[in-house]
Protein backbone atom coordinates (compact mmCIF):
# COMPACT_ATOMS: atom_id res chain seq x y z
CA UNK A 1 -15.29 -17.15 10.83
CA UNK A 2 -13.79 -14.04 9.09
CA UNK A 3 -13.75 -13.65 5.46
CA UNK A 4 -10.62 -13.64 3.22
CA UNK A 5 -11.95 -10.17 2.09
CA UNK A 6 -11.54 -8.80 5.77
CA UNK A 7 -7.80 -8.96 5.60
CA UNK A 8 -7.22 -7.58 2.06
CA UNK A 9 -6.21 -4.40 3.41
CA UNK A 10 -4.88 -5.17 6.72
CA UNK A 11 -1.67 -6.93 5.63
CA UNK A 12 -0.54 -4.30 3.31
CA UNK A 13 -1.34 -1.55 5.92
CA UNK A 14 0.73 -3.20 8.45
CA UNK A 15 3.75 -2.76 6.24
CA UNK A 16 2.75 0.40 4.83
CA UNK A 17 2.57 2.41 7.97
CA UNK A 18 6.29 1.75 9.22
CA UNK A 19 7.44 2.65 5.75
CA UNK A 20 5.60 5.99 5.89
CA UNK A 21 6.79 6.69 9.10
CA UNK A 22 10.40 6.19 7.93
CA UNK A 23 9.94 8.11 4.73
CA UNK A 24 8.36 11.26 6.64
CA UNK A 25 11.34 11.09 9.12
CA UNK A 26 14.13 10.95 6.32
CA UNK A 27 12.05 14.04 4.51
CA UNK A 28 12.46 15.95 7.79
CA UNK A 29 16.12 15.30 8.14
CA UNK A 30 16.69 16.34 4.50
CA UNK A 31 16.56 20.06 5.54
CA UNK A 32 19.01 19.88 8.59
CA UNK A 33 21.28 22.69 9.16
CA UNK A 34 24.18 20.46 10.27
CA UNK A 35 25.90 20.67 6.82
CA UNK A 36 25.97 24.32 6.83
CA UNK A 37 29.61 25.41 7.56
CA UNK A 38 29.89 27.82 10.47
CA UNK A 39 33.44 27.26 11.65
CA UNK A 40 34.61 30.35 10.36
CA UNK A 41 31.85 32.52 11.33
CA UNK A 42 31.56 34.57 14.60
CA UNK A 43 29.79 32.45 17.16
CA UNK A 44 27.48 35.04 18.79
CA UNK A 45 26.11 35.91 15.15
CA UNK A 46 25.84 32.11 14.44
CA UNK A 47 23.87 31.76 17.87
CA UNK A 48 21.39 34.44 16.74
CA UNK A 49 20.95 32.87 13.32
CA UNK A 50 20.19 29.37 15.42
CA UNK A 51 17.69 31.14 17.59
CA UNK A 52 15.96 32.62 14.53
CA UNK A 53 16.06 29.10 12.98
CA UNK A 54 14.49 27.56 15.99
CA UNK A 55 11.80 29.96 16.02
CA UNK A 56 11.08 29.45 12.38
CA UNK A 57 10.76 25.61 12.56
CA UNK A 58 8.70 25.58 15.89
CA UNK A 59 6.19 28.10 15.09
CA UNK A 60 6.90 30.28 12.18
CA UNK A 61 4.82 30.63 8.95
CA UNK A 62 3.46 27.16 8.01
CA UNK A 63 4.00 27.37 4.41
CA UNK A 64 2.43 24.55 2.62
CA UNK A 65 3.67 21.27 3.91
CA UNK A 66 5.86 21.16 7.11
CA UNK A 67 8.86 20.18 4.63
CA UNK A 68 8.35 23.38 2.97
CA UNK A 69 8.66 25.36 6.04
CA UNK A 70 11.81 23.14 6.93
CA UNK A 71 13.25 23.91 3.47
CA UNK A 72 12.53 27.78 3.88
CA UNK A 73 13.96 27.97 7.54
CA UNK A 74 17.05 26.21 6.58
CA UNK A 75 17.76 28.71 3.40
CA UNK A 76 17.02 31.78 5.60
CA UNK A 77 19.73 30.16 8.19
CA UNK A 78 22.19 29.74 5.34
CA UNK A 79 21.60 33.36 4.40
CA UNK A 80 21.87 34.26 7.98
CA UNK A 81 25.05 32.79 8.73
CA UNK A 82 26.73 33.83 5.37
CA UNK A 83 26.22 37.57 6.64
CA UNK A 84 27.78 36.87 10.00
CA UNK A 85 31.52 38.25 10.29
CA UNK A 86 34.32 36.12 10.41
CA UNK A 87 36.01 34.86 13.82
């Protein structure tokens, strides 16, 4: 017969794990590049910036936590797009 103490951590952990998954998912979305306006920039230049961003997030320098890497890659993408000539 199981003791009451055996389930002491089990119930909170069943609630905590999905919450942590959602939280980390939201943190990853916080550094999305979708809100950077590229509508007036040269498409070829923006494509090059996107390729650089993709390389950065997939295997670039892992600076601290993954969120720090995403933040740094997003900032670099924003700088890259800002240097693109207008359409």
